Amino acid sequence: MQIELDEQEADALRTVLDDAVRDLSHEIADTDNASFREGLRARRDLLQAARVKLGD
């Protein structure tokens, strides 16, 4: 899938992804349930990969 974003949209999406990754990292650290924590890590990894694709 490909989407085209203008620079404002890309900046907004970068910010949302950065915030989500940060929030997930905190939630992972605070989670005692190993299987839930693994799911959170998988989600964080997907969001980080999308963020990398957006570049700086």
N, C-alpha and C. Protein backbone atom coordinates (compact mmCIF):
# COMPACT_ATOMS: atom_id res chain seq x y z
N MET A 1 0.84 -1.16 0.00
CA MET A 1 0.00 0.00 0.00
C MET A 1 0.89 1.23 0.00
N GLN A 2 0.49 2.22 -0.73
CA GLN A 2 1.20 3.49 -0.74
C GLN A 2 0.20 4.60 -0.47
N ILE A 3 0.65 5.58 0.30
CA ILE A 3 -0.15 6.78 0.50
C ILE A 3 0.76 7.97 0.27
N GLU A 4 0.18 9.04 -0.19
CA GLU A 4 0.95 10.25 -0.39
C GLU A 4 0.51 11.28 0.64
N LEU A 5 1.50 11.86 1.30
CA LEU A 5 1.24 12.86 2.33
C LEU A 5 1.98 14.14 1.97
N ASP A 6 1.35 15.27 2.26
CA ASP A 6 2.11 16.51 2.13
C ASP A 6 2.98 16.64 3.39
N GLU A 7 3.82 17.62 3.43
CA GLU A 7 4.78 17.73 4.54
C GLU A 7 4.09 17.93 5.89
N GLN A 8 3.02 18.69 5.90
CA GLN A 8 2.28 18.90 7.15
C GLN A 8 1.69 17.59 7.66
N GLU A 9 1.11 16.83 6.78
CA GLU A 9 0.54 15.54 7.16
C GLU A 9 1.62 14.58 7.65
N ALA A 10 2.75 14.56 6.96
CA ALA A 10 3.84 13.69 7.36
C ALA A 10 4.37 14.09 8.73
N ASP A 11 4.50 15.38 8.99
CA ASP A 11 4.97 15.85 10.30
C ASP A 11 4.00 15.44 11.40
N ALA A 12 2.71 15.59 11.13
CA ALA A 12 1.70 15.21 12.12
C ALA A 12 1.76 13.71 12.39
N LEU A 13 1.90 12.92 11.35
CA LEU A 13 1.98 11.48 11.51
C LEU A 13 3.24 11.07 12.27
N ARG A 14 4.36 11.73 11.98
CA ARG A 14 5.60 11.45 12.73
C ARG A 14 5.39 11.71 14.23
N THR A 15 4.75 12.81 14.54
CA THR A 15 4.51 13.17 15.94
C THR A 15 3.61 12.13 16.62
N VAL A 16 2.56 11.73 15.94
CA VAL A 16 1.64 10.73 16.51
C VAL A 16 2.38 9.40 16.74
N LEU A 17 3.17 8.99 15.76
CA LEU A 17 3.91 7.73 15.90
C LEU A 17 4.93 7.82 17.03
N ASP A 18 5.66 8.93 17.11
CA ASP A 18 6.64 9.10 18.19
C ASP A 18 5.96 9.04 19.56
N ASP A 19 4.82 9.70 19.68
CA ASP A 19 4.08 9.68 20.95
C ASP A 19 3.60 8.28 21.28
N ALA A 20 3.07 7.58 20.29
CA ALA A 20 2.56 6.22 20.53
C ALA A 20 3.68 5.27 20.94
N VAL A 21 4.82 5.37 20.28
CA VAL A 21 5.96 4.51 20.62
C VAL A 21 6.42 4.79 22.05
N ARG A 22 6.49 6.06 22.40
CA ARG A 22 6.90 6.44 23.76
C ARG A 22 5.90 5.90 24.79
N ASP A 23 4.61 6.07 24.52
CA ASP A 23 3.59 5.59 25.44
C ASP A 23 3.63 4.06 25.58
N LEU A 24 3.82 3.38 24.47
CA LEU A 24 3.91 1.92 24.52
C LEU A 24 5.13 1.47 25.32
N SER A 25 6.23 2.17 25.17
CA SER A 25 7.44 1.81 25.92
C SER A 25 7.19 1.91 27.42
N HIS A 26 6.47 2.95 27.85
CA HIS A 26 6.13 3.10 29.27
C HIS A 26 5.18 1.99 29.72
N GLU A 27 4.21 1.69 28.87
CA GLU A 27 3.25 0.64 29.22
C GLU A 27 3.93 -0.73 29.30
N ILE A 28 4.86 -0.98 28.39
CA ILE A 28 5.61 -2.25 28.42
C ILE A 28 6.37 -2.38 29.73
N ALA A 29 6.99 -1.30 30.15
CA ALA A 29 7.78 -1.32 31.38
C ALA A 29 6.90 -1.57 32.61
N ASP A 30 5.64 -1.13 32.55
CA ASP A 30 4.75 -1.25 33.70
C ASP A 30 3.87 -2.51 33.68
N THR A 31 4.01 -3.33 32.65
CA THR A 31 3.14 -4.50 32.50
C THR A 31 3.80 -5.75 33.08
N ASP A 32 3.06 -6.46 33.91
CA ASP A 32 3.56 -7.69 34.51
C ASP A 32 3.23 -8.93 33.70
N ASN A 33 2.16 -8.87 32.92
CA ASN A 33 1.70 -10.01 32.13
C ASN A 33 2.60 -10.18 30.90
N ALA A 34 3.32 -11.30 30.86
CA ALA A 34 4.32 -11.51 29.81
C ALA A 34 3.71 -11.56 28.41
N SER A 35 2.58 -12.22 28.25
CA SER A 35 1.98 -12.31 26.91
C SER A 35 1.44 -10.96 26.45
N PHE A 36 0.87 -10.20 27.35
CA PHE A 36 0.39 -8.86 27.01
C PHE A 36 1.57 -7.96 26.64
N ARG A 37 2.64 -8.07 27.42
CA ARG A 37 3.85 -7.28 27.16
C ARG A 37 4.42 -7.60 25.78
N GLU A 38 4.40 -8.88 25.40
CA GLU A 38 4.90 -9.27 24.08
C GLU A 38 4.05 -8.66 22.97
N GLY A 39 2.74 -8.64 23.16
CA GLY A 39 1.86 -8.00 22.19
C GLY A 39 2.13 -6.52 22.04
N LEU A 40 2.38 -5.87 23.19
CA LEU A 40 2.72 -4.44 23.16
C LEU A 40 4.05 -4.21 22.43
N ARG A 41 5.00 -5.08 22.66
CA ARG A 41 6.29 -4.95 21.97
C ARG A 41 6.13 -5.10 20.46
N ALA A 42 5.31 -6.07 20.05
CA ALA A 42 5.07 -6.27 18.63
C ALA A 42 4.43 -5.04 18.00
N ARG A 43 3.47 -4.47 18.71
CA ARG A 43 2.82 -3.24 18.21
C ARG A 43 3.81 -2.10 18.12
N ARG A 44 4.63 -1.94 19.17
CA ARG A 44 5.65 -0.88 19.17
C ARG A 44 6.62 -1.07 18.01
N ASP A 45 7.03 -2.30 17.75
CA ASP A 45 7.95 -2.57 16.65
C ASP A 45 7.34 -2.17 15.30
N LEU A 46 6.05 -2.47 15.11
CA LEU A 46 5.38 -2.09 13.87
C LEU A 46 5.33 -0.57 13.70
N LEU A 47 5.01 0.12 14.79
CA LEU A 47 4.94 1.58 14.73
C LEU A 47 6.32 2.19 14.49
N GLN A 48 7.35 1.62 15.11
CA GLN A 48 8.71 2.11 14.88
C GLN A 48 9.12 1.90 13.43
N ALA A 49 8.74 0.78 12.85
CA ALA A 49 9.08 0.52 11.45
C ALA A 49 8.38 1.53 10.53
N ALA A 50 7.13 1.83 10.83
CA ALA A 50 6.41 2.83 10.03
C ALA A 50 7.06 4.18 10.18
N ARG A 51 7.50 4.50 11.39
CA ARG A 51 8.16 5.79 11.64
C ARG A 51 9.45 5.91 10.84
N VAL A 52 10.23 4.84 10.79
CA VAL A 52 11.48 4.83 10.02
C VAL A 52 11.19 5.11 8.55
N LYS A 53 10.13 4.52 8.04
CA LYS A 53 9.79 4.71 6.64
C LYS A 53 9.44 6.16 6.32
N LEU A 54 8.93 6.89 7.31
CA LEU A 54 8.60 8.30 7.10
C LEU A 54 9.84 9.20 7.08
N GLY A 55 10.93 8.71 7.65
CA GLY A 55 12.15 9.51 7.69
C GLY A 55 12.03 10.69 8.64
N ASP A 56 12.94 11.64 8.45
CA ASP A 56 12.97 12.81 9.37
C ASP A 56 12.14 13.96 8.89
